[in-house]
PDB file of N, CA and C in Angstrom:
ATOM      1  N   MET A   1      -3.923 -50.007   1.722  1.00  0.00           N
ATOM      2  CA  MET A   1      -3.236 -50.698   0.647  1.00  0.00           C
ATOM      3  C   MET A   1      -3.165 -49.792  -0.568  1.00  0.00           C
ATOM      4  N   ALA A   2      -2.026 -49.661  -1.116  1.00  0.00           N
ATOM      5  CA  ALA A   2      -1.835 -48.814  -2.295  1.00  0.00           C
ATOM      6  C   ALA A   2      -1.816 -49.677  -3.545  1.00  0.00           C
ATOM      7  N   LEU A   3      -2.373 -49.130  -4.605  1.00  0.00           N
ATOM      8  CA  LEU A   3      -2.353 -49.788  -5.899  1.00  0.00           C
ATOM      9  C   LEU A   3      -1.676 -48.865  -6.893  1.00  0.00           C
ATOM     10  N   ALA A   4      -0.770 -49.414  -7.669  1.00  0.00           N
ATOM     11  CA  ALA A   4      -0.105 -48.597  -8.684  1.00  0.00           C
ATOM     12  C   ALA A   4      -1.005 -48.503  -9.906  1.00  0.00           C
ATOM     13  N   ASN A   5      -1.305 -47.296 -10.324  1.00  0.00           N
ATOM     14  CA  ASN A   5      -2.170 -47.080 -11.470  1.00  0.00           C
ATOM     15  C   ASN A   5      -1.391 -46.857 -12.751  1.00  0.00           C
ATOM     16  N   ASP A   6      -0.297 -46.140 -12.668  1.00  0.00           N
ATOM     17  CA  ASP A   6       0.420 -45.737 -13.865  1.00  0.00           C
ATOM     18  C   ASP A   6       1.826 -45.292 -13.470  1.00  0.00           C
ATOM     19  N   TYR A   7       2.726 -45.297 -14.415  1.00  0.00           N
ATOM     20  CA  TYR A   7       4.065 -44.769 -14.169  1.00  0.00           C
ATOM     21  C   TYR A   7       4.519 -44.018 -15.408  1.00  0.00           C
ATOM     22  N   LYS A   8       5.485 -43.146 -15.221  1.00  0.00           N
ATOM     23  CA  LYS A   8       5.977 -42.327 -16.324  1.00  0.00           C
ATOM     24  C   LYS A   8       7.456 -42.046 -16.101  1.00  0.00           C
ATOM     25  N   LEU A   9       8.277 -42.319 -17.110  1.00  0.00           N
ATOM     26  CA  LEU A   9       9.701 -42.000 -17.059  1.00  0.00           C
ATOM     27  C   LEU A   9       9.891 -40.579 -17.564  1.00  0.00           C
ATOM     28  N   LEU A  10      10.565 -39.764 -16.792  1.00  0.00           N
ATOM     29  CA  LEU A  10      10.821 -38.380 -17.177  1.00  0.00           C
ATOM     30  C   LEU A  10      12.197 -38.255 -17.812  1.00  0.00           C
ATOM     31  N   GLU A  11      12.460 -37.114 -18.427  1.00  0.00           N
ATOM     32  CA  GLU A  11      13.725 -36.900 -19.136  1.00  0.00           C
ATOM     33  C   GLU A  11      14.950 -36.989 -18.232  1.00  0.00           C
ATOM     34  N   ASP A  12      14.793 -36.673 -16.957  1.00  0.00           N
ATOM     35  CA  ASP A  12      15.942 -36.689 -16.048  1.00  0.00           C
ATOM     36  C   ASP A  12      16.138 -38.052 -15.384  1.00  0.00           C
ATOM     37  N   ASN A  13      15.544 -39.108 -15.973  1.00  0.00           N
ATOM     38  CA  ASN A  13      15.631 -40.480 -15.469  1.00  0.00           C
ATOM     39  C   ASN A  13      14.944 -40.682 -14.134  1.00  0.00           C
ATOM     40  N   SER A  14      14.047 -39.785 -13.765  1.00  0.00           N
ATOM     41  CA  SER A  14      13.230 -40.034 -12.588  1.00  0.00           C
ATOM     42  C   SER A  14      11.879 -40.552 -13.067  1.00  0.00           C
ATOM     43  N   TYR A  15      11.164 -41.186 -12.186  1.00  0.00           N
ATOM     44  CA  TYR A  15       9.855 -41.739 -12.511  1.00  0.00           C
ATOM     45  C   TYR A  15       8.801 -41.082 -11.645  1.00  0.00           C
ATOM     46  N   TYR A  16       7.590 -41.005 -12.175  1.00  0.00           N
ATOM     47  CA  TYR A  16       6.423 -40.698 -11.365  1.00  0.00           C
ATOM     48  C   TYR A  16       5.548 -41.930 -11.383  1.00  0.00           C
ATOM     49  N   VAL A  17       5.175 -42.417 -10.222  1.00  0.00           N
ATOM     50  CA  VAL A  17       4.266 -43.549 -10.114  1.00  0.00           C
ATOM     51  C   VAL A  17       3.010 -43.042  -9.439  1.00  0.00           C
ATOM     52  N   SER A  18       1.871 -43.258 -10.084  1.00  0.00           N
ATOM     53  CA  SER A  18       0.592 -42.824  -9.536  1.00  0.00           C
ATOM     54  C   SER A  18       0.031 -43.936  -8.662  1.00  0.00           C
ATOM     55  N   LEU A  19      -0.191 -43.636  -7.397  1.00  0.00           N
ATOM     56  CA  LEU A  19      -0.757 -44.586  -6.442  1.00  0.00           C
ATOM     57  C   LEU A  19      -2.111 -44.072  -5.971  1.00  0.00           C
ATOM     58  N   THR A  20      -3.024 -44.993  -5.689  1.00  0.00           N
ATOM     59  CA  THR A  20      -4.312 -44.607  -5.124  1.00  0.00           C
ATOM     60  C   THR A  20      -4.445 -45.265  -3.764  1.00  0.00           C
ATOM     61  N   ARG A  21      -4.850 -44.477  -2.771  1.00  0.00           N
ATOM     62  CA  ARG A  21      -5.076 -45.046  -1.444  1.00  0.00           C
ATOM     63  C   ARG A  21      -6.296 -44.384  -0.833  1.00  0.00           C
ATOM     64  N   ALA A  22      -6.902 -45.070   0.127  1.00  0.00           N
ATOM     65  CA  ALA A  22      -8.089 -44.532   0.784  1.00  0.00           C
ATOM     66  C   ALA A  22      -7.738 -43.242   1.503  1.00  0.00           C
ATOM     67  N   GLN A  23      -8.666 -42.317   1.497  1.00  0.00           N
ATOM     68  CA  GLN A  23      -8.431 -41.023   2.137  1.00  0.00           C
ATOM     69  C   GLN A  23      -8.710 -41.145   3.634  1.00  0.00           C
ATOM     70  N   THR A  24      -7.921 -41.962   4.299  1.00  0.00           N
ATOM     71  CA  THR A  24      -8.052 -42.128   5.739  1.00  0.00           C
ATOM     72  C   THR A  24      -6.992 -41.328   6.474  1.00  0.00           C
ATOM     73  N   SER A  25      -6.119 -40.717   5.709  1.00  0.00           N
ATOM     74  CA  SER A  25      -5.050 -39.930   6.307  1.00  0.00           C
ATOM     75  C   SER A  25      -4.967 -38.595   5.583  1.00  0.00           C
ATOM     76  N   HIS A  26      -4.106 -37.757   6.046  1.00  0.00           N
ATOM     77  CA  HIS A  26      -3.918 -36.442   5.438  1.00  0.00           C
ATOM     78  C   HIS A  26      -3.229 -36.607   4.078  1.00  0.00           C
ATOM     79  N   PRO A  27      -3.623 -35.823   3.069  1.00  0.00           N
ATOM     80  CA  PRO A  27      -3.021 -35.952   1.735  1.00  0.00           C
ATOM     81  C   PRO A  27      -1.513 -35.737   1.692  1.00  0.00           C
ATOM     82  N   LEU A  28      -0.959 -35.055   2.677  1.00  0.00           N
ATOM     83  CA  LEU A  28       0.482 -34.807   2.681  1.00  0.00           C
ATOM     84  C   LEU A  28       1.252 -35.746   3.599  1.00  0.00           C
ATOM     85  N   ASP A  29       0.571 -36.751   4.161  1.00  0.00           N
ATOM     86  CA  ASP A  29       1.286 -37.737   4.960  1.00  0.00           C
ATOM     87  C   ASP A  29       2.339 -38.412   4.091  1.00  0.00           C
ATOM     88  N   PRO A  30       3.484 -38.746   4.664  1.00  0.00           N
ATOM     89  CA  PRO A  30       4.524 -39.397   3.861  1.00  0.00           C
ATOM     90  C   PRO A  30       4.056 -40.762   3.367  1.00  0.00           C
ATOM     91  N   LEU A  31       4.715 -41.252   2.345  1.00  0.00           N
ATOM     92  CA  LEU A  31       4.399 -42.574   1.824  1.00  0.00           C
ATOM     93  C   LEU A  31       4.705 -43.629   2.876  1.00  0.00           C
ATOM     94  N   SER A  32       3.861 -44.643   2.934  1.00  0.00           N
ATOM     95  CA  SER A  32       4.111 -45.755   3.852  1.00  0.00           C
ATOM     96  C   SER A  32       5.162 -46.676   3.230  1.00  0.00           C
ATOM     97  N   ALA A  33       5.679 -47.584   4.032  1.00  0.00           N
ATOM     98  CA  ALA A  33       6.664 -48.547   3.523  1.00  0.00           C
ATOM     99  C   ALA A  33       6.054 -49.387   2.409  1.00  0.00           C
ATOM    100  N   ALA A  34       4.782 -49.761   2.555  1.00  0.00           N
ATOM    101  CA  ALA A  34       4.107 -50.559   1.528  1.00  0.00           C
ATOM    102  C   ALA A  34       3.970 -49.773   0.228  1.00  0.00           C
ATOM    103  N   GLU A  35       3.663 -48.486   0.318  1.00  0.00           N
ATOM    104  CA  GLU A  35       3.530 -47.659  -0.884  1.00  0.00           C
ATOM    105  C   GLU A  35       4.873 -47.490  -1.592  1.00  0.00           C
ATOM    106  N   ILE A  36       5.937 -47.365  -0.831  1.00  0.00           N
ATOM    107  CA  ILE A  36       7.270 -47.264  -1.424  1.00  0.00           C
ATOM    108  C   ILE A  36       7.613 -48.565  -2.146  1.00  0.00           C
ATOM    109  N   LYS A  37       7.291 -49.701  -1.525  1.00  0.00           N
ATOM    110  CA  LYS A  37       7.562 -50.998  -2.159  1.00  0.00           C
ATOM    111  C   LYS A  37       6.777 -51.156  -3.453  1.00  0.00           C
ATOM    112  N   VAL A  38       5.500 -50.729  -3.465  1.00  0.00           N
ATOM    113  CA  VAL A  38       4.676 -50.815  -4.680  1.00  0.00           C
ATOM    114  C   VAL A  38       5.263 -49.939  -5.779  1.00  0.00           C
ATOM    115  N   ALA A  39       5.680 -48.727  -5.436  1.00  0.00           N
ATOM    116  CA  ALA A  39       6.255 -47.816  -6.431  1.00  0.00           C
ATOM    117  C   ALA A  39       7.533 -48.405  -7.028  1.00  0.00           C
ATOM    118  N   ILE A  40       8.401 -48.936  -6.189  1.00  0.00           N
ATOM    119  CA  ILE A  40       9.652 -49.533  -6.669  1.00  0.00           C
ATOM    120  C   ILE A  40       9.370 -50.769  -7.514  1.00  0.00           C
ATOM    121  N   ALA A  41       8.444 -51.612  -7.070  1.00  0.00           N
ATOM    122  CA  ALA A  41       8.102 -52.816  -7.830  1.00  0.00           C
ATOM    123  C   ALA A  41       7.520 -52.460  -9.193  1.00  0.00           C
ATOM    124  N   THR A  42       6.741 -51.387  -9.261  1.00  0.00           N
ATOM    125  CA  THR A  42       6.158 -50.952 -10.532  1.00  0.00           C
ATOM    126  C   THR A  42       7.247 -50.538 -11.511  1.00  0.00           C
ATOM    127  N   VAL A  43       8.218 -49.777 -11.046  1.00  0.00           N
ATOM    128  CA  VAL A  43       9.309 -49.338 -11.919  1.00  0.00           C
ATOM    129  C   VAL A  43      10.174 -50.525 -12.320  1.00  0.00           C
ATOM    130  N   ARG A  44      10.478 -51.407 -11.385  1.00  0.00           N
ATOM    131  CA  ARG A  44      11.294 -52.583 -11.718  1.00  0.00           C
ATOM    132  C   ARG A  44      10.579 -53.474 -12.738  1.00  0.00           C
ATOM    133  N   ALA A  45       9.264 -53.636 -12.596  1.00  0.00           N
ATOM    134  CA  ALA A  45       8.501 -54.474 -13.527  1.00  0.00           C
ATOM    135  C   ALA A  45       8.508 -53.894 -14.934  1.00  0.00           C
ATOM    136  N   ALA A  46       8.706 -52.589 -15.048  1.00  0.00           N
ATOM    137  CA  ALA A  46       8.733 -51.940 -16.359  1.00  0.00           C
ATOM    138  C   ALA A  46      10.076 -52.110 -17.058  1.00  0.00           C
ATOM    139  N   GLY A  47      11.054 -52.656 -16.361  1.00  0.00           N
ATOM    140  CA  GLY A  47      12.379 -52.849 -16.958  1.00  0.00           C
ATOM    141  C   GLY A  47      12.309 -53.778 -18.159  1.00  0.00           C
ATOM    142  N   ALA A  48      12.916 -53.368 -19.257  1.00  0.00           N
ATOM    143  CA  ALA A  48      12.838 -54.127 -20.502  1.00  0.00           C
ATOM    144  C   ALA A  48      13.631 -55.432 -20.430  1.00  0.00           C
ATOM    145  N   THR A  49      14.723 -55.428 -19.704  1.00  0.00           N
ATOM    146  CA  THR A  49      15.567 -56.615 -19.598  1.00  0.00           C
ATOM    147  C   THR A  49      15.940 -56.812 -18.133  1.00  0.00           C
ATOM    148  N   PRO A  50      16.370 -58.013 -17.768  1.00  0.00           N
ATOM    149  CA  PRO A  50      16.807 -58.224 -16.381  1.00  0.00           C
ATOM    150  C   PRO A  50      17.939 -57.293 -15.971  1.00  0.00           C
ATOM    151  N   GLU A  51      18.820 -56.945 -16.928  1.00  0.00           N
ATOM    152  CA  GLU A  51      19.928 -56.047 -16.603  1.00  0.00           C
ATOM    153  C   GLU A  51      19.414 -54.667 -16.213  1.00  0.00           C
ATOM    154  N   VAL A  52      18.414 -54.186 -16.952  1.00  0.00           N
ATOM    155  CA  VAL A  52      17.820 -52.885 -16.624  1.00  0.00           C
ATOM    156  C   VAL A  52      17.047 -52.988 -15.319  1.00  0.00           C
ATOM    157  N   ARG A  53      16.223 -54.020 -15.211  1.00  0.00           N
ATOM    158  CA  ARG A  53      15.364 -54.199 -14.041  1.00  0.00           C
ATOM    159  C   ARG A  53      16.185 -54.324 -12.757  1.00  0.00           C
ATOM    160  N   ASP A  54      17.245 -55.113 -12.804  1.00  0.00           N
ATOM    161  CA  ASP A  54      18.039 -55.360 -11.600  1.00  0.00           C
ATOM    162  C   ASP A  54      19.144 -54.332 -11.399  1.00  0.00           C
ATOM    163  N   GLY A  55      19.379 -53.480 -12.405  1.00  0.00           N
ATOM    164  CA  GLY A  55      20.468 -52.524 -12.319  1.00  0.00           C
ATOM    165  C   GLY A  55      20.033 -51.123 -11.938  1.00  0.00           C
ATOM    166  N   ILE A  56      18.807 -50.986 -11.432  1.00  0.00           N
ATOM    167  CA  ILE A  56      18.321 -49.663 -11.032  1.00  0.00           C
ATOM    168  C   ILE A  56      18.571 -49.462  -9.545  1.00  0.00           C
ATOM    169  N   ARG A  57      19.136 -48.321  -9.211  1.00  0.00           N
ATOM    170  CA  ARG A  57      19.314 -47.944  -7.802  1.00  0.00           C
ATOM    171  C   ARG A  57      18.376 -46.775  -7.537  1.00  0.00           C
ATOM    172  N   PHE A  58      17.593 -46.882  -6.484  1.00  0.00           N
ATOM    173  CA  PHE A  58      16.625 -45.842  -6.142  1.00  0.00           C
ATOM    174  C   PHE A  58      17.254 -44.895  -5.130  1.00  0.00           C
ATOM    175  N   VAL A  59      17.492 -43.678  -5.563  1.00  0.00           N
ATOM    176  CA  VAL A  59      18.138 -42.674  -4.732  1.00  0.00           C
ATOM    177  C   VAL A  59      17.125 -42.042  -3.789  1.00  0.00           C
ATOM    178  N   GLU A  60      15.918 -41.833  -4.289  1.00  0.00           N
ATOM    179  CA  GLU A  60      14.904 -41.124  -3.508  1.00  0.00           C
ATOM    180  C   GLU A  60      13.515 -41.578  -3.944  1.00  0.00           C
ATOM    181  N   VAL A  61      12.642 -41.827  -2.974  1.00  0.00           N
ATOM    182  CA  VAL A  61      11.233 -42.120  -3.238  1.00  0.00           C
ATOM    183  C   VAL A  61      10.427 -41.238  -2.295  1.00  0.00           C
ATOM    184  N   VAL A  62       9.725 -40.262  -2.855  1.00  0.00           N
ATOM    185  CA  VAL A  62       8.985 -39.303  -2.030  1.00  0.00           C
ATOM    186  C   VAL A  62       7.606 -39.047  -2.624  1.00  0.00           C
ATOM    187  N   LEU A  63       6.750 -38.464  -1.821  1.00  0.00           N
ATOM    188  CA  LEU A  63       5.423 -38.056  -2.256  1.00  0.00           C
ATOM    189  C   LEU A  63       5.526 -36.731  -2.992  1.00  0.00           C
ATOM    190  N   SER A  64       4.955 -36.672  -4.176  1.00  0.00           N
ATOM    191  CA  SER A  64       4.826 -35.393  -4.876  1.00  0.00           C
ATOM    192  C   SER A  64       3.542 -34.755  -4.382  1.00  0.00           C
ATOM    193  N   GLU A  65       3.654 -33.553  -3.867  1.00  0.00           N
ATOM    194  CA  GLU A  65       2.486 -32.910  -3.265  1.00  0.00           C
ATOM    195  C   GLU A  65       1.361 -32.752  -4.277  1.00  0.00           C
ATOM    196  N   PRO A  66       0.137 -33.136  -3.877  1.00  0.00           N
ATOM    197  CA  PRO A  66      -1.002 -32.987  -4.785  1.00  0.00           C
ATOM    198  C   PRO A  66      -1.418 -31.528  -4.901  1.00  0.00           C
ATOM    199  N   GLU A  67      -2.086 -31.209  -6.010  1.00  0.00           N
ATOM    200  CA  GLU A  67      -2.610 -29.861  -6.164  1.00  0.00           C
ATOM    201  C   GLU A  67      -3.801 -29.683  -5.232  1.00  0.00           C
ATOM    202  N   LYS A  68      -3.927 -28.508  -4.682  1.00  0.00           N
ATOM    203  CA  LYS A  68      -4.955 -28.232  -3.686  1.00  0.00           C
ATOM    204  C   LYS A  68      -6.359 -28.498  -4.234  1.00  0.00           C
ATOM    205  N   ASN A  69      -6.638 -28.050  -5.461  1.00  0.00           N
ATOM    206  CA  ASN A  69      -7.983 -28.246  -5.997  1.00  0.00           C
ATOM    207  C   ASN A  69      -8.275 -29.718  -6.271  1.00  0.00           C
ATOM    208  N   GLY A  70      -7.268 -30.511  -6.587  1.00  0.00           N
ATOM    209  CA  GLY A  70      -7.463 -31.944  -6.792  1.00  0.00           C
ATOM    210  C   GLY A  70      -7.858 -32.658  -5.521  1.00  0.00           C
ATOM    211  N   VAL A  71      -7.271 -32.266  -4.412  1.00  0.00           N
ATOM    212  CA  VAL A  71      -7.609 -32.866  -3.120  1.00  0.00           C
ATOM    213  C   VAL A  71      -9.006 -32.441  -2.700  1.00  0.00           C
ATOM    214  N   ALA A  72      -9.353 -31.182  -2.931  1.00  0.00           N
ATOM    215  CA  ALA A  72     -10.663 -30.670  -2.533  1.00  0.00           C
ATOM    216  C   ALA A  72     -11.789 -31.344  -3.301  1.00  0.00           C
ATOM    217  N   LEU A  73     -11.551 -31.722  -4.549  1.00  0.00           N
ATOM    218  CA  LEU A  73     -12.592 -32.336  -5.375  1.00  0.00           C
ATOM    219  C   LEU A  73     -12.640 -33.852  -5.262  1.00  0.00           C
ATOM    220  N   ALA A  74     -11.667 -34.451  -4.616  1.00  0.00           N
ATOM    221  CA  ALA A  74     -11.593 -35.913  -4.539  1.00  0.00           C
ATOM    222  C   ALA A  74     -12.645 -36.473  -3.601  1.00  0.00           C
ATOM    223  N   ASP A  75     -13.085 -37.688  -3.935  1.00  0.00           N
ATOM    224  CA  ASP A  75     -14.015 -38.400  -3.060  1.00  0.00           C
ATOM    225  C   ASP A  75     -13.202 -39.143  -2.010  1.00  0.00           C
ATOM    226  N   ALA A  76     -13.524 -40.411  -1.804  1.00  0.00           N
ATOM    227  CA  ALA A  76     -12.831 -41.196  -0.790  1.00  0.00           C
ATOM    228  C   ALA A  76     -11.424 -41.593  -1.231  1.00  0.00           C
ATOM    229  N   TYR A  77     -11.158 -41.527  -2.524  1.00  0.00           N
ATOM    230  CA  TYR A  77      -9.845 -41.915  -3.034  1.00  0.00           C
ATOM    231  C   TYR A  77      -9.263 -40.777  -3.861  1.00  0.00           C
ATOM    232  N   PHE A  78      -7.997 -40.550  -3.715  1.00  0.00           N
ATOM    233  CA  PHE A  78      -7.336 -39.548  -4.544  1.00  0.00           C
ATOM    234  C   PHE A  78      -5.950 -40.069  -4.900  1.00  0.00           C
ATOM    235  N   PRO A  79      -5.443 -39.667  -6.046  1.00  0.00           N
ATOM    236  CA  PRO A  79      -4.139 -40.191  -6.462  1.00  0.00           C
ATOM    237  C   PRO A  79      -3.003 -39.575  -5.660  1.00  0.00           C
ATOM    238  N   HIS A  80      -2.037 -40.389  -5.358  1.00  0.00           N
ATOM    239  CA  HIS A  80      -0.778 -39.939  -4.760  1.00  0.00           C
ATOM    240  C   HIS A  80       0.291 -40.173  -5.806  1.00  0.00           C
ATOM    241  N   LEU A  81       1.042 -39.169  -6.119  1.00  0.00           N
ATOM    242  CA  LEU A  81       2.136 -39.335  -7.066  1.00  0.00           C
ATOM    243  C   LEU A  81       3.432 -39.499  -6.294  1.00  0.00           C
ATOM    244  N   SER A  82       4.066 -40.622  -6.526  1.00  0.00           N
ATOM    245  CA  SER A  82       5.368 -40.876  -5.924  1.00  0.00           C
ATOM    246  C   SER A  82       6.428 -40.474  -6.927  1.00  0.00           C
ATOM    247  N   SER A  83       7.378 -39.722  -6.489  1.00  0.00           N
ATOM    248  CA  SER A  83       8.498 -39.351  -7.341  1.00  0.00           C
ATOM    249  C   SER A  83       9.674 -40.246  -6.972  1.00  0.00           C
ATOM    250  N   LEU A  84      10.183 -40.985  -7.950  1.00  0.00           N
ATOM    251  CA  LEU A  84      11.309 -41.882  -7.723  1.00  0.00           C
ATOM    252  C   LEU A  84      12.490 -41.398  -8.538  1.00  0.00           C
ATOM    253  N   LEU A  85      13.573 -41.100  -7.886  1.00  0.00           N
ATOM    254  CA  LEU A  85      14.801 -40.716  -8.575  1.00  0.00           C
ATOM    255  C   LEU A  85      15.662 -41.968  -8.689  1.00  0.00           C
ATOM    256  N   CYS A  86      15.943 -42.375  -9.919  1.00  0.00           N
ATOM    257  CA  CYS A  86      16.673 -43.616 -10.170  1.00  0.00           C
ATOM    258  C   CYS A  86      17.965 -43.322 -10.907  1.00  0.00           C
ATOM    259  N   CYS A  87      18.912 -44.199 -10.735  1.00  0.00           N
ATOM    260  CA  CYS A  87      20.129 -44.120 -11.533  1.00  0.00           C
ATOM    261  C   CYS A  87      20.656 -45.538 -11.705  1.00  0.00           C
ATOM    262  N   PRO A  88      21.452 -45.769 -12.742  1.00  0.00           N
ATOM    263  CA  PRO A  88      22.000 -47.108 -12.943  1.00  0.00           C
ATOM    264  C   PRO A  88      22.901 -47.497 -11.778  1.00  0.00           C
ATOM    265  N   GLU A  89      22.884 -48.758 -11.461  1.00  0.00           N
ATOM    266  CA  GLU A  89      23.747 -49.290 -10.400  1.00  0.00           C
ATOM    267  C   GLU A  89      25.199 -49.125 -10.836  1.00  0.00           C
ATOM    268  N   ALA A  90      26.009 -48.606  -9.959  1.00  0.00           N
ATOM    269  CA  ALA A  90      27.433 -48.430 -10.272  1.00  0.00           C
ATOM    270  C   ALA A  90      28.139 -49.778 -10.206  1.00  0.00           C
ATOM    271  N   LYS A  91      28.923 -50.062 -11.203  1.00  0.00           N
ATOM    272  CA  LYS A  91      29.682 -51.311 -11.218  1.00  0.00           C
ATOM    273  C   LYS A  91      31.084 -51.023 -10.697  1.00  0.00           C
ATOM    274  N   VAL A  92      31.460 -51.755  -9.677  1.00  0.00           N
ATOM    275  CA  VAL A  92      32.773 -51.558  -9.070  1.00  0.00           C
ATOM    276  C   VAL A  92      33.642 -52.759  -9.411  1.00  0.00           C
ATOM    277  N   GLU A  93      34.755 -52.503 -10.042  1.00  0.00           N
ATOM    278  CA  GLU A  93      35.687 -53.576 -10.373  1.00  0.00           C
ATOM    279  C   GLU A  93      36.972 -53.367  -9.586  1.00  0.00           C
ATOM    280  N   LEU A  94      37.424 -54.419  -8.967  1.00  0.00           N
ATOM    281  CA  LEU A  94      38.660 -54.352  -8.180  1.00  0.00           C
ATOM    282  C   LEU A  94      39.773 -55.087  -8.874  1.00  0.00           C
TER     283      LEU A  94
END
């Protein structure tokens, strides 16, 4: 089970969401479906208005590789940084 610890909006409109999970797998294993859902829910919850919250389209959700020394020093839990590339939902008018 992943828990979202923190999120950060970057200048290029992408987000980093810090997730913590038990070290039962390799640090470079891809994010699970549950971890992707937690990351997306964290960013959506940060939306200031329903228009912002519901108008985000997630282009990419991937694991940001941890630094080698951070993994070596970690105990049973280590942070996983999810990188989410977001953009506003395109409005199509016919």
